[in-house]
PDB file of N, CA and C in Angstrom:
ATOM      1  N   MET A   1     -10.295   9.787 -10.472  1.00  0.00           N
ATOM      2  CA  MET A   1      -9.328   8.960  -9.791  1.00  0.00           C
ATOM      3  C   MET A   1      -7.931   9.397 -10.222  1.00  0.00           C
ATOM      4  N   LEU A   2      -7.117   9.720  -9.237  1.00  0.00           N
ATOM      5  CA  LEU A   2      -5.737  10.112  -9.492  1.00  0.00           C
ATOM      6  C   LEU A   2      -4.916   8.895  -9.910  1.00  0.00           C
ATOM      7  N   LYS A   3      -4.162   9.034 -10.994  1.00  0.00           N
ATOM      8  CA  LYS A   3      -3.249   7.969 -11.418  1.00  0.00           C
ATOM      9  C   LYS A   3      -1.844   8.357 -10.987  1.00  0.00           C
ATOM     10  N   HIS A   4      -1.216   7.505 -10.197  1.00  0.00           N
ATOM     11  CA  HIS A   4       0.121   7.768  -9.677  1.00  0.00           C
ATOM     12  C   HIS A   4       1.148   7.415 -10.747  1.00  0.00           C
ATOM     13  N   ARG A   5       1.626   8.424 -11.448  1.00  0.00           N
ATOM     14  CA  ARG A   5       2.612   8.220 -12.511  1.00  0.00           C
ATOM     15  C   ARG A   5       3.933   7.749 -11.909  1.00  0.00           C
ATOM     16  N   GLY A   6       4.554   6.787 -12.556  1.00  0.00           N
ATOM     17  CA  GLY A   6       5.836   6.274 -12.096  1.00  0.00           C
ATOM     18  C   GLY A   6       5.729   5.177 -11.053  1.00  0.00           C
ATOM     19  N   PHE A   7       4.518   4.906 -10.567  1.00  0.00           N
ATOM     20  CA  PHE A   7       4.337   3.848  -9.573  1.00  0.00           C
ATOM     21  C   PHE A   7       4.269   2.515 -10.309  1.00  0.00           C
ATOM     22  N   PRO A   8       4.995   1.482  -9.854  1.00  0.00           N
ATOM     23  CA  PRO A   8       4.951   0.196 -10.559  1.00  0.00           C
ATOM     24  C   PRO A   8       3.545  -0.395 -10.572  1.00  0.00           C
ATOM     25  N   SER A   9       3.152  -0.961 -11.701  1.00  0.00           N
ATOM     26  CA  SER A   9       1.803  -1.509 -11.821  1.00  0.00           C
ATOM     27  C   SER A   9       1.674  -2.881 -11.168  1.00  0.00           C
ATOM     28  N   ARG A  10       2.797  -3.563 -11.018  1.00  0.00           N
ATOM     29  CA  ARG A  10       2.773  -4.895 -10.388  1.00  0.00           C
ATOM     30  C   ARG A  10       4.155  -5.237  -9.879  1.00  0.00           C
ATOM     31  N   LEU A  11       4.235  -6.316  -9.103  1.00  0.00           N
ATOM     32  CA  LEU A  11       5.527  -6.820  -8.645  1.00  0.00           C
ATOM     33  C   LEU A  11       6.212  -7.464  -9.833  1.00  0.00           C
ATOM     34  N   PRO A  12       7.417  -7.020 -10.184  1.00  0.00           N
ATOM     35  CA  PRO A  12       8.097  -7.573 -11.367  1.00  0.00           C
ATOM     36  C   PRO A  12       8.183  -9.098 -11.343  1.00  0.00           C
ATOM     37  N   GLY A  13       7.861  -9.701 -12.472  1.00  0.00           N
ATOM     38  CA  GLY A  13       7.942 -11.149 -12.617  1.00  0.00           C
ATOM     39  C   GLY A  13       6.780 -11.922 -12.026  1.00  0.00           C
ATOM     40  N   THR A  14       5.738 -11.208 -11.563  1.00  0.00           N
ATOM     41  CA  THR A  14       4.579 -11.884 -10.961  1.00  0.00           C
ATOM     42  C   THR A  14       3.295 -11.253 -11.479  1.00  0.00           C
ATOM     43  N   ASP A  15       2.177 -11.793 -11.011  1.00  0.00           N
ATOM     44  CA  ASP A  15       0.872 -11.214 -11.329  1.00  0.00           C
ATOM     45  C   ASP A  15       0.283 -10.464 -10.139  1.00  0.00           C
ATOM     46  N   PHE A  16       1.124 -10.124  -9.147  1.00  0.00           N
ATOM     47  CA  PHE A  16       0.636  -9.356  -8.009  1.00  0.00           C
ATOM     48  C   PHE A  16       0.480  -7.906  -8.430  1.00  0.00           C
ATOM     49  N   GLN A  17      -0.751  -7.444  -8.474  1.00  0.00           N
ATOM     50  CA  GLN A  17      -1.113  -6.123  -8.979  1.00  0.00           C
ATOM     51  C   GLN A  17      -0.941  -5.058  -7.899  1.00  0.00           C
ATOM     52  N   PHE A  18      -0.357  -3.907  -8.266  1.00  0.00           N
ATOM     53  CA  PHE A  18      -0.199  -2.776  -7.354  1.00  0.00           C
ATOM     54  C   PHE A  18      -1.146  -1.631  -7.698  1.00  0.00           C
ATOM     55  N   THR A  19      -1.503  -1.483  -8.971  1.00  0.00           N
ATOM     56  CA  THR A  19      -2.387  -0.405  -9.390  1.00  0.00           C
ATOM     57  C   THR A  19      -3.521  -0.959 -10.250  1.00  0.00           C
ATOM     58  N   ILE A  20      -4.555  -0.137 -10.410  1.00  0.00           N
ATOM     59  CA  ILE A  20      -5.653  -0.489 -11.302  1.00  0.00           C
ATOM     60  C   ILE A  20      -5.618   0.473 -12.482  1.00  0.00           C
ATOM     61  N   ARG A  21      -6.153   0.047 -13.600  1.00  0.00           N
ATOM     62  CA  ARG A  21      -6.113   0.880 -14.804  1.00  0.00           C
ATOM     63  C   ARG A  21      -7.220   1.911 -14.842  1.00  0.00           C
ATOM     64  N   ARG A  22      -8.401   1.526 -14.371  1.00  0.00           N
ATOM     65  CA  ARG A  22      -9.543   2.441 -14.432  1.00  0.00           C
ATOM     66  C   ARG A  22     -10.441   2.209 -13.215  1.00  0.00           C
ATOM     67  N   ALA A  23     -11.274   3.192 -12.952  1.00  0.00           N
ATOM     68  CA  ALA A  23     -12.201   3.100 -11.827  1.00  0.00           C
ATOM     69  C   ALA A  23     -13.193   1.960 -12.059  1.00  0.00           C
ATOM     70  N   ASN A  24     -13.615   1.321 -11.001  1.00  0.00           N
ATOM     71  CA  ASN A  24     -14.576   0.237 -11.068  1.00  0.00           C
ATOM     72  C   ASN A  24     -15.960   0.818 -11.354  1.00  0.00           C
ATOM     73  N   PRO A  25     -16.597   0.447 -12.469  1.00  0.00           N
ATOM     74  CA  PRO A  25     -17.913   1.017 -12.794  1.00  0.00           C
ATOM     75  C   PRO A  25     -19.021   0.574 -11.831  1.00  0.00           C
ATOM     76  N   ARG A  26     -18.791  -0.500 -11.083  1.00  0.00           N
ATOM     77  CA  ARG A  26     -19.801  -0.979 -10.128  1.00  0.00           C
ATOM     78  C   ARG A  26     -19.604  -0.389  -8.744  1.00  0.00           C
ATOM     79  N   GLY A  27     -18.652   0.509  -8.596  1.00  0.00           N
ATOM     80  CA  GLY A  27     -18.397   1.131  -7.298  1.00  0.00           C
ATOM     81  C   GLY A  27     -16.969   0.893  -6.837  1.00  0.00           C
ATOM     82  N   VAL A  28     -16.525   1.722  -5.943  1.00  0.00           N
ATOM     83  CA  VAL A  28     -15.156   1.668  -5.441  1.00  0.00           C
ATOM     84  C   VAL A  28     -14.998   0.488  -4.491  1.00  0.00           C
ATOM     85  N   THR A  29     -13.928  -0.277  -4.660  1.00  0.00           N
ATOM     86  CA  THR A  29     -13.633  -1.378  -3.751  1.00  0.00           C
ATOM     87  C   THR A  29     -13.149  -0.802  -2.427  1.00  0.00           C
ATOM     88  N   GLU A  30     -13.759  -1.220  -1.352  1.00  0.00           N
ATOM     89  CA  GLU A  30     -13.453  -0.704  -0.026  1.00  0.00           C
ATOM     90  C   GLU A  30     -12.137  -1.285   0.493  1.00  0.00           C
ATOM     91  N   ILE A  31     -11.382  -0.452   1.190  1.00  0.00           N
ATOM     92  CA  ILE A  31     -10.154  -0.904   1.858  1.00  0.00           C
ATOM     93  C   ILE A  31     -10.553  -1.468   3.212  1.00  0.00           C
ATOM     94  N   VAL A  32     -10.136  -2.689   3.500  1.00  0.00           N
ATOM     95  CA  VAL A  32     -10.414  -3.335   4.786  1.00  0.00           C
ATOM     96  C   VAL A  32      -9.110  -3.928   5.314  1.00  0.00           C
ATOM     97  N   ARG A  33      -9.037  -4.127   6.609  1.00  0.00           N
ATOM     98  CA  ARG A  33      -7.848  -4.748   7.190  1.00  0.00           C
ATOM     99  C   ARG A  33      -7.918  -6.254   6.958  1.00  0.00           C
ATOM    100  N   ARG A  34      -6.892  -6.804   6.311  1.00  0.00           N
ATOM    101  CA  ARG A  34      -6.803  -8.256   6.108  1.00  0.00           C
ATOM    102  C   ARG A  34      -5.753  -8.815   7.060  1.00  0.00           C
ATOM    103  N   GLU A  35      -6.074  -9.942   7.659  1.00  0.00           N
ATOM    104  CA  GLU A  35      -5.131 -10.583   8.573  1.00  0.00           C
ATOM    105  C   GLU A  35      -4.016 -11.278   7.797  1.00  0.00           C
ATOM    106  N   ARG A  36      -2.801 -11.095   8.243  1.00  0.00           N
ATOM    107  CA  ARG A  36      -1.647 -11.768   7.643  1.00  0.00           C
ATOM    108  C   ARG A  36      -1.247 -12.896   8.587  1.00  0.00           C
ATOM    109  N   TYR A  37      -1.566 -14.101   8.196  1.00  0.00           N
ATOM    110  CA  TYR A  37      -1.239 -15.251   9.030  1.00  0.00           C
ATOM    111  C   TYR A  37       0.193 -15.708   8.763  1.00  0.00           C
ATOM    112  N   ARG A  38       0.777 -16.394   9.730  1.00  0.00           N
ATOM    113  CA  ARG A  38       2.170 -16.830   9.647  1.00  0.00           C
ATOM    114  C   ARG A  38       2.429 -17.795   8.494  1.00  0.00           C
ATOM    115  N   ASP A  39       1.405 -18.509   8.053  1.00  0.00           N
ATOM    116  CA  ASP A  39       1.597 -19.515   7.010  1.00  0.00           C
ATOM    117  C   ASP A  39       1.352 -18.987   5.597  1.00  0.00           C
ATOM    118  N   ARG A  40       1.408 -17.658   5.420  1.00  0.00           N
ATOM    119  CA  ARG A  40       1.239 -17.101   4.069  1.00  0.00           C
ATOM    120  C   ARG A  40       2.390 -17.556   3.185  1.00  0.00           C
ATOM    121  N   ARG A  41       2.099 -17.663   1.902  1.00  0.00           N
ATOM    122  CA  ARG A  41       3.113 -18.089   0.943  1.00  0.00           C
ATOM    123  C   ARG A  41       4.229 -17.052   0.845  1.00  0.00           C
ATOM    124  N   PRO A  42       5.465 -17.487   0.584  1.00  0.00           N
ATOM    125  CA  PRO A  42       6.581 -16.544   0.426  1.00  0.00           C
ATOM    126  C   PRO A  42       6.325 -15.508  -0.673  1.00  0.00           C
ATOM    127  N   ALA A  43       5.655 -15.905  -1.733  1.00  0.00           N
ATOM    128  CA  ALA A  43       5.354 -14.960  -2.817  1.00  0.00           C
ATOM    129  C   ALA A  43       4.437 -13.835  -2.328  1.00  0.00           C
ATOM    130  N   ASP A  44       3.476 -14.163  -1.465  1.00  0.00           N
ATOM    131  CA  ASP A  44       2.587 -13.132  -0.905  1.00  0.00           C
ATOM    132  C   ASP A  44       3.376 -12.162  -0.032  1.00  0.00           C
ATOM    133  N   LYS A  45       4.313 -12.701   0.732  1.00  0.00           N
ATOM    134  CA  LYS A  45       5.148 -11.848   1.588  1.00  0.00           C
ATOM    135  C   LYS A  45       6.028 -10.939   0.742  1.00  0.00           C
ATOM    136  N   ARG A  46       6.573 -11.454  -0.362  1.00  0.00           N
ATOM    137  CA  ARG A  46       7.390 -10.629  -1.269  1.00  0.00           C
ATOM    138  C   ARG A  46       6.549  -9.509  -1.885  1.00  0.00           C
ATOM    139  N   ALA A  47       5.290  -9.800  -2.176  1.00  0.00           N
ATOM    140  CA  ALA A  47       4.400  -8.780  -2.730  1.00  0.00           C
ATOM    141  C   ALA A  47       4.176  -7.660  -1.709  1.00  0.00           C
ATOM    142  N   ASP A  48       4.010  -8.005  -0.435  1.00  0.00           N
ATOM    143  CA  ASP A  48       3.858  -6.994   0.611  1.00  0.00           C
ATOM    144  C   ASP A  48       5.101  -6.116   0.692  1.00  0.00           C
ATOM    145  N   VAL A  49       6.266  -6.744   0.676  1.00  0.00           N
ATOM    146  CA  VAL A  49       7.531  -6.002   0.735  1.00  0.00           C
ATOM    147  C   VAL A  49       7.675  -5.096  -0.483  1.00  0.00           C
ATOM    148  N   GLY A  50       7.414  -5.639  -1.661  1.00  0.00           N
ATOM    149  CA  GLY A  50       7.538  -4.861  -2.894  1.00  0.00           C
ATOM    150  C   GLY A  50       6.597  -3.674  -2.928  1.00  0.00           C
ATOM    151  N   PHE A  51       5.354  -3.875  -2.471  1.00  0.00           N
ATOM    152  CA  PHE A  51       4.373  -2.790  -2.468  1.00  0.00           C
ATOM    153  C   PHE A  51       4.764  -1.706  -1.473  1.00  0.00           C
ATOM    154  N   LEU A  52       5.164  -2.110  -0.264  1.00  0.00           N
ATOM    155  CA  LEU A  52       5.560  -1.123   0.739  1.00  0.00           C
ATOM    156  C   LEU A  52       6.802  -0.357   0.272  1.00  0.00           C
ATOM    157  N   LYS A  53       7.738  -1.045  -0.360  1.00  0.00           N
ATOM    158  CA  LYS A  53       8.941  -0.382  -0.883  1.00  0.00           C
ATOM    159  C   LYS A  53       8.554   0.645  -1.951  1.00  0.00           C
ATOM    160  N   ALA A  54       7.636   0.280  -2.829  1.00  0.00           N
ATOM    161  CA  ALA A  54       7.181   1.212  -3.866  1.00  0.00           C
ATOM    162  C   ALA A  54       6.479   2.419  -3.238  1.00  0.00           C
ATOM    163  N   LEU A  55       5.658   2.188  -2.207  1.00  0.00           N
ATOM    164  CA  LEU A  55       5.002   3.301  -1.513  1.00  0.00           C
ATOM    165  C   LEU A  55       6.040   4.220  -0.881  1.00  0.00           C
ATOM    166  N   TRP A  56       7.028   3.625  -0.219  1.00  0.00           N
ATOM    167  CA  TRP A  56       8.060   4.406   0.456  1.00  0.00           C
ATOM    168  C   TRP A  56       8.860   5.248  -0.546  1.00  0.00           C
ATOM    169  N   GLU A  57       9.240   4.631  -1.662  1.00  0.00           N
ATOM    170  CA  GLU A  57      10.024   5.354  -2.665  1.00  0.00           C
ATOM    171  C   GLU A  57       9.211   6.461  -3.328  1.00  0.00           C
ATOM    172  N   GLN A  58       7.914   6.258  -3.491  1.00  0.00           N
ATOM    173  CA  GLN A  58       7.059   7.242  -4.158  1.00  0.00           C
ATOM    174  C   GLN A  58       6.631   8.371  -3.219  1.00  0.00           C
ATOM    175  N   PHE A  59       6.265   8.031  -1.971  1.00  0.00           N
ATOM    176  CA  PHE A  59       5.632   9.009  -1.087  1.00  0.00           C
ATOM    177  C   PHE A  59       6.403   9.308   0.190  1.00  0.00           C
ATOM    178  N   GLY A  60       7.296   8.427   0.611  1.00  0.00           N
ATOM    179  CA  GLY A  60       7.982   8.629   1.887  1.00  0.00           C
ATOM    180  C   GLY A  60       6.978   8.611   3.028  1.00  0.00           C
ATOM    181  N   ASP A  61       7.170   9.497   3.991  1.00  0.00           N
ATOM    182  CA  ASP A  61       6.246   9.536   5.130  1.00  0.00           C
ATOM    183  C   ASP A  61       5.134  10.567   4.960  1.00  0.00           C
ATOM    184  N   ALA A  62       5.001  11.136   3.761  1.00  0.00           N
ATOM    185  CA  ALA A  62       3.960  12.133   3.485  1.00  0.00           C
ATOM    186  C   ALA A  62       2.621  11.448   3.188  1.00  0.00           C
ATOM    187  N   PRO A  63       1.514  12.107   3.511  1.00  0.00           N
ATOM    188  CA  PRO A  63       0.200  11.563   3.150  1.00  0.00           C
ATOM    189  C   PRO A  63       0.061  11.478   1.626  1.00  0.00           C
ATOM    190  N   PHE A  64      -0.676  10.472   1.175  1.00  0.00           N
ATOM    191  CA  PHE A  64      -0.892  10.295  -0.259  1.00  0.00           C
ATOM    192  C   PHE A  64      -2.327   9.876  -0.519  1.00  0.00           C
ATOM    193  N   GLU A  65      -2.793  10.213  -1.702  1.00  0.00           N
ATOM    194  CA  GLU A  65      -4.150   9.872  -2.119  1.00  0.00           C
ATOM    195  C   GLU A  65      -4.178   8.427  -2.618  1.00  0.00           C
ATOM    196  N   ARG A  66      -5.238   7.714  -2.281  1.00  0.00           N
ATOM    197  CA  ARG A  66      -5.374   6.325  -2.734  1.00  0.00           C
ATOM    198  C   ARG A  66      -5.330   6.232  -4.254  1.00  0.00           C
ATOM    199  N   GLY A  67      -6.099   7.032  -4.937  1.00  0.00           N
ATOM    200  CA  GLY A  67      -6.081   7.061  -6.393  1.00  0.00           C
ATOM    201  C   GLY A  67      -6.214   5.686  -7.015  1.00  0.00           C
ATOM    202  N   ASN A  68      -5.274   5.339  -7.903  1.00  0.00           N
ATOM    203  CA  ASN A  68      -5.355   4.069  -8.614  1.00  0.00           C
ATOM    204  C   ASN A  68      -4.597   2.933  -7.932  1.00  0.00           C
ATOM    205  N   LEU A  69      -4.230   3.105  -6.667  1.00  0.00           N
ATOM    206  CA  LEU A  69      -3.578   2.019  -5.935  1.00  0.00           C
ATOM    207  C   LEU A  69      -4.595   0.921  -5.645  1.00  0.00           C
ATOM    208  N   ASP A  70      -4.178  -0.331  -5.797  1.00  0.00           N
ATOM    209  CA  ASP A  70      -5.074  -1.473  -5.651  1.00  0.00           C
ATOM    210  C   ASP A  70      -5.547  -1.641  -4.205  1.00  0.00           C
ATOM    211  N   ALA A  71      -6.856  -1.657  -3.999  1.00  0.00           N
ATOM    212  CA  ALA A  71      -7.434  -1.784  -2.660  1.00  0.00           C
ATOM    213  C   ALA A  71      -7.058  -3.103  -2.005  1.00  0.00           C
ATOM    214  N   GLY A  72      -7.012  -4.173  -2.778  1.00  0.00           N
ATOM    215  CA  GLY A  72      -6.642  -5.465  -2.215  1.00  0.00           C
ATOM    216  C   GLY A  72      -5.231  -5.472  -1.674  1.00  0.00           C
ATOM    217  N   ARG A  73      -4.317  -4.862  -2.390  1.00  0.00           N
ATOM    218  CA  ARG A  73      -2.919  -4.820  -1.952  1.00  0.00           C
ATOM    219  C   ARG A  73      -2.770  -3.900  -0.750  1.00  0.00           C
ATOM    220  N   ILE A  74      -3.470  -2.757  -0.750  1.00  0.00           N
ATOM    221  CA  ILE A  74      -3.426  -1.854   0.407  1.00  0.00           C
ATOM    222  C   ILE A  74      -3.983  -2.562   1.640  1.00  0.00           C
ATOM    223  N   SER A  75      -5.026  -3.358   1.447  1.00  0.00           N
ATOM    224  CA  SER A  75      -5.696  -4.015   2.568  1.00  0.00           C
ATOM    225  C   SER A  75      -4.769  -4.933   3.360  1.00  0.00           C
ATOM    226  N   TRP A  76      -3.759  -5.507   2.710  1.00  0.00           N
ATOM    227  CA  TRP A  76      -2.818  -6.371   3.434  1.00  0.00           C
ATOM    228  C   TRP A  76      -1.951  -5.577   4.406  1.00  0.00           C
ATOM    229  N   LEU A  77      -1.817  -4.274   4.190  1.00  0.00           N
ATOM    230  CA  LEU A  77      -0.990  -3.425   5.046  1.00  0.00           C
ATOM    231  C   LEU A  77      -1.812  -2.453   5.894  1.00  0.00           C
ATOM    232  N   PHE A  78      -3.107  -2.330   5.600  1.00  0.00           N
ATOM    233  CA  PHE A  78      -3.960  -1.314   6.201  1.00  0.00           C
ATOM    234  C   PHE A  78      -4.117  -1.501   7.704  1.00  0.00           C
ATOM    235  N   GLU A  79      -4.104  -0.378   8.423  1.00  0.00           N
ATOM    236  CA  GLU A  79      -4.213  -0.277   9.878  1.00  0.00           C
ATOM    237  C   GLU A  79      -3.011  -0.867  10.601  1.00  0.00           C
ATOM    238  N   ARG A  80      -1.944  -1.101   9.877  1.00  0.00           N
ATOM    239  CA  ARG A  80      -0.658  -1.487  10.467  1.00  0.00           C
ATOM    240  C   ARG A  80       0.404  -0.567   9.872  1.00  0.00           C
ATOM    241  N   GLU A  81       0.965  -0.957   8.731  1.00  0.00           N
ATOM    242  CA  GLU A  81       2.015  -0.161   8.088  1.00  0.00           C
ATOM    243  C   GLU A  81       1.448   1.038   7.318  1.00  0.00           C
ATOM    244  N   VAL A  82       0.236   0.914   6.814  1.00  0.00           N
ATOM    245  CA  VAL A  82      -0.437   2.013   6.109  1.00  0.00           C
ATOM    246  C   VAL A  82      -1.690   2.363   6.902  1.00  0.00           C
ATOM    247  N   VAL A  83      -1.802   3.640   7.257  1.00  0.00           N
ATOM    248  CA  VAL A  83      -2.915   4.088   8.095  1.00  0.00           C
ATOM    249  C   VAL A  83      -3.658   5.236   7.416  1.00  0.00           C
ATOM    250  N   ALA A  84      -4.859   5.491   7.897  1.00  0.00           N
ATOM    251  CA  ALA A  84      -5.646   6.624   7.403  1.00  0.00           C
ATOM    252  C   ALA A  84      -4.949   7.917   7.804  1.00  0.00           C
ATOM    253  N   ALA A  85      -4.919   8.878   6.893  1.00  0.00           N
ATOM    254  CA  ALA A  85      -4.267  10.165   7.167  1.00  0.00           C
ATOM    255  C   ALA A  85      -5.284  11.281   7.301  1.00  0.00           C
ATOM    256  N   GLU A  86      -6.556  10.928   7.454  1.00  0.00           N
ATOM    257  CA  GLU A  86      -7.599  11.936   7.588  1.00  0.00           C
ATOM    258  C   GLU A  86      -8.729  11.377   8.430  1.00  0.00           C
ATOM    259  N   GLU A  87      -9.456  12.271   9.054  1.00  0.00           N
ATOM    260  CA  GLU A  87     -10.656  11.920   9.810  1.00  0.00           C
ATOM    261  C   GLU A  87     -11.777  12.814   9.319  1.00  0.00           C
ATOM    262  N   PRO A  88     -12.917  12.322   8.976  1.00  0.00           N
ATOM    263  CA  PRO A  88     -13.260  10.903   8.885  1.00  0.00           C
ATOM    264  C   PRO A  88     -12.639  10.278   7.641  1.00  0.00           C
ATOM    265  N   PHE A  89     -12.336   9.009   7.748  1.00  0.00           N
ATOM    266  CA  PHE A  89     -11.724   8.266   6.644  1.00  0.00           C
ATOM    267  C   PHE A  89     -12.810   7.494   5.909  1.00  0.00           C
ATOM    268  N   ASP A  90     -12.824   7.617   4.587  1.00  0.00           N
ATOM    269  CA  ASP A  90     -13.791   6.883   3.759  1.00  0.00           C
ATOM    270  C   ASP A  90     -13.037   5.768   3.043  1.00  0.00           C
ATOM    271  N   PRO A  91     -13.181   4.513   3.488  1.00  0.00           N
ATOM    272  CA  PRO A  91     -12.436   3.412   2.874  1.00  0.00           C
ATOM    273  C   PRO A  91     -12.907   3.065   1.465  1.00  0.00           C
ATOM    274  N   ALA A  92     -14.008   3.670   1.020  1.00  0.00           N
ATOM    275  CA  ALA A  92     -14.544   3.401  -0.315  1.00  0.00           C
ATOM    276  C   ALA A  92     -14.453   4.645  -1.194  1.00  0.00           C
ATOM    277  N   SER A  93     -13.331   5.366  -1.071  1.00  0.00           N
ATOM    278  CA  SER A  93     -13.144   6.569  -1.875  1.00  0.00           C
ATOM    279  C   SER A  93     -11.772   6.553  -2.526  1.00  0.00           C
ATOM    280  N   TYR A  94     -11.730   6.907  -3.811  1.00  0.00           N
ATOM    281  CA  TYR A  94     -10.442   7.024  -4.487  1.00  0.00           C
ATOM    282  C   TYR A  94      -9.680   8.251  -3.998  1.00  0.00           C
ATOM    283  N   ASP A  95     -10.362   9.186  -3.333  1.00  0.00           N
ATOM    284  CA  ASP A  95      -9.734  10.406  -2.833  1.00  0.00           C
ATOM    285  C   ASP A  95      -9.233  10.275  -1.399  1.00  0.00           C
ATOM    286  N   ALA A  96      -9.416   9.119  -0.776  1.00  0.00           N
ATOM    287  CA  ALA A  96      -9.007   8.918   0.613  1.00  0.00           C
ATOM    288  C   ALA A  96      -7.503   9.123   0.762  1.00  0.00           C
ATOM    289  N   LEU A  97      -7.117   9.758   1.879  1.00  0.00           N
ATOM    290  CA  LEU A  97      -5.704   9.985   2.157  1.00  0.00           C
ATOM    291  C   LEU A  97      -5.165   8.914   3.093  1.00  0.00           C
ATOM    292  N   LEU A  98      -4.019   8.369   2.730  1.00  0.00           N
ATOM    293  CA  LEU A  98      -3.335   7.342   3.502  1.00  0.00           C
ATOM    294  C   LEU A  98      -1.928   7.821   3.819  1.00  0.00           C
ATOM    295  N   GLN A  99      -1.258   7.124   4.736  1.00  0.00           N
ATOM    296  CA  GLN A  99       0.103   7.481   5.096  1.00  0.00           C
ATOM    297  C   GLN A  99       0.799   6.246   5.650  1.00  0.00           C
ATOM    298  N   ILE A 100       2.098   6.163   5.421  1.00  0.00           N
ATOM    299  CA  ILE A 100       2.887   5.066   5.977  1.00  0.00           C
ATOM    300  C   ILE A 100       3.194   5.383   7.432  1.00  0.00           C
ATOM    301  N   ASP A 101       2.917   4.436   8.325  1.00  0.00           N
ATOM    302  CA  ASP A 101       3.334   4.543   9.723  1.00  0.00           C
ATOM    303  C   ASP A 101       4.762   4.006   9.752  1.00  0.00           C
ATOM    304  N   VAL A 102       5.732   4.891   9.706  1.00  0.00           N
ATOM    305  CA  VAL A 102       7.133   4.509   9.506  1.00  0.00           C
ATOM    306  C   VAL A 102       7.636   3.591  10.609  1.00  0.00           C
ATOM    307  N   GLY A 103       7.288   3.843  11.854  1.00  0.00           N
ATOM    308  CA  GLY A 103       7.750   3.007  12.959  1.00  0.00           C
ATOM    309  C   GLY A 103       7.278   1.572  12.822  1.00  0.00           C
ATOM    310  N   VAL A 104       6.006   1.395  12.533  1.00  0.00           N
ATOM    311  CA  VAL A 104       5.445   0.050  12.366  1.00  0.00           C
ATOM    312  C   VAL A 104       6.018  -0.608  11.112  1.00  0.00           C
ATOM    313  N   ALA A 105       6.133   0.155  10.030  1.00  0.00           N
ATOM    314  CA  ALA A 105       6.663  -0.390   8.778  1.00  0.00           C
ATOM    315  C   ALA A 105       8.113  -0.852   8.939  1.00  0.00           C
ATOM    316  N   ARG A 106       8.922  -0.070   9.638  1.00  0.00           N
ATOM    317  CA  ARG A 106      10.325  -0.464   9.865  1.00  0.00           C
ATOM    318  C   ARG A 106      10.411  -1.731  10.696  1.00  0.00           C
ATOM    319  N   ALA A 107       9.531  -1.883  11.670  1.00  0.00           N
ATOM    320  CA  ALA A 107       9.537  -3.083  12.513  1.00  0.00           C
ATOM    321  C   ALA A 107       9.055  -4.308  11.736  1.00  0.00           C
ATOM    322  N   SER A 108       8.064  -4.135  10.882  1.00  0.00           N
ATOM    323  CA  SER A 108       7.489  -5.256  10.137  1.00  0.00           C
ATOM    324  C   SER A 108       8.311  -5.656   8.926  1.00  0.00           C
ATOM    325  N   PHE A 109       8.858  -4.665   8.224  1.00  0.00           N
ATOM    326  CA  PHE A 109       9.580  -4.906   6.977  1.00  0.00           C
ATOM    327  C   PHE A 109      10.899  -4.130   6.956  1.00  0.00           C
ATOM    328  N   PRO A 110      11.856  -4.515   7.795  1.00  0.00           N
ATOM    329  CA  PRO A 110      13.117  -3.761   7.858  1.00  0.00           C
ATOM    330  C   PRO A 110      13.879  -3.756   6.533  1.00  0.00           C
ATOM    331  N   GLU A 111      13.678  -4.763   5.701  1.00  0.00           N
ATOM    332  CA  GLU A 111      14.389  -4.834   4.428  1.00  0.00           C
ATOM    333  C   GLU A 111      14.010  -3.697   3.471  1.00  0.00           C
ATOM    334  N   VAL A 112      12.839  -3.108   3.656  1.00  0.00           N
ATOM    335  CA  VAL A 112      12.414  -1.983   2.843  1.00  0.00           C
ATOM    336  C   VAL A 112      13.292  -0.765   3.123  1.00  0.00           C
ATOM    337  N   PHE A 113      13.737  -0.646   4.368  1.00  0.00           N
ATOM    338  CA  PHE A 113      14.457   0.537   4.806  1.00  0.00           C
ATOM    339  C   PHE A 113      15.959   0.310   4.941  1.00  0.00           C
ATOM    340  N   ASP A 114      16.476  -0.842   4.520  1.00  0.00           N
ATOM    341  CA  ASP A 114      17.912  -1.100   4.576  1.00  0.00           C
ATOM    342  C   ASP A 114      18.669  -0.005   3.851  1.00  0.00           C
ATOM    343  N   GLY A 115      19.708   0.480   4.470  1.00  0.00           N
ATOM    344  CA  GLY A 115      20.523   1.507   3.841  1.00  0.00           C
ATOM    345  C   GLY A 115      20.031   2.912   4.126  1.00  0.00           C
ATOM    346  N   GLU A 116      18.859   3.052   4.740  1.00  0.00           N
ATOM    347  CA  GLU A 116      18.341   4.378   5.088  1.00  0.00           C
ATOM    348  C   GLU A 116      19.094   4.883   6.315  1.00  0.00           C
ATOM    349  N   ASP A 117      19.380   6.144   6.350  1.00  0.00           N
ATOM    350  CA  ASP A 117      20.055   6.743   7.494  1.00  0.00           C
ATOM    351  C   ASP A 117      19.000   7.245   8.467  1.00  0.00           C
ATOM    352  N   TRP A 118      18.855   6.558   9.606  1.00  0.00           N
ATOM    353  CA  TRP A 118      17.859   6.933  10.616  1.00  0.00           C
ATOM    354  C   TRP A 118      18.585   7.510  11.816  1.00  0.00           C
ATOM    355  N   ALA A 119      18.726   8.784  11.835  1.00  0.00           N
ATOM    356  CA  ALA A 119      19.454   9.445  12.933  1.00  0.00           C
ATOM    357  C   ALA A 119      18.646   9.436  14.197  1.00  0.00           C
TER     358      ALA A 119
END
């Protein structure tokens, strides 16, 4: 499992986890699409923004390996702002390639991209 050096382990000041320390001995947690309902708590929404901002700062629009990124946190953005970057995609692999869909991410979380020059 690739460990993304320099990637924040959690949202500062909270217990919202962004990375895992070690591989799960009972098997890899699968990435699934989770529905984001309108009545989600503000703290959950801040965690989504913080995670997407960290992904953007670390990887930009380039494909990246899942590695030690938390499957639960990815799942809140999966198949919307974060998409599979390979076919076939294995949602239960630490080697799976993902990528930010910049157009969807900018529409969903414009605050992540504030100050970016989009010519």
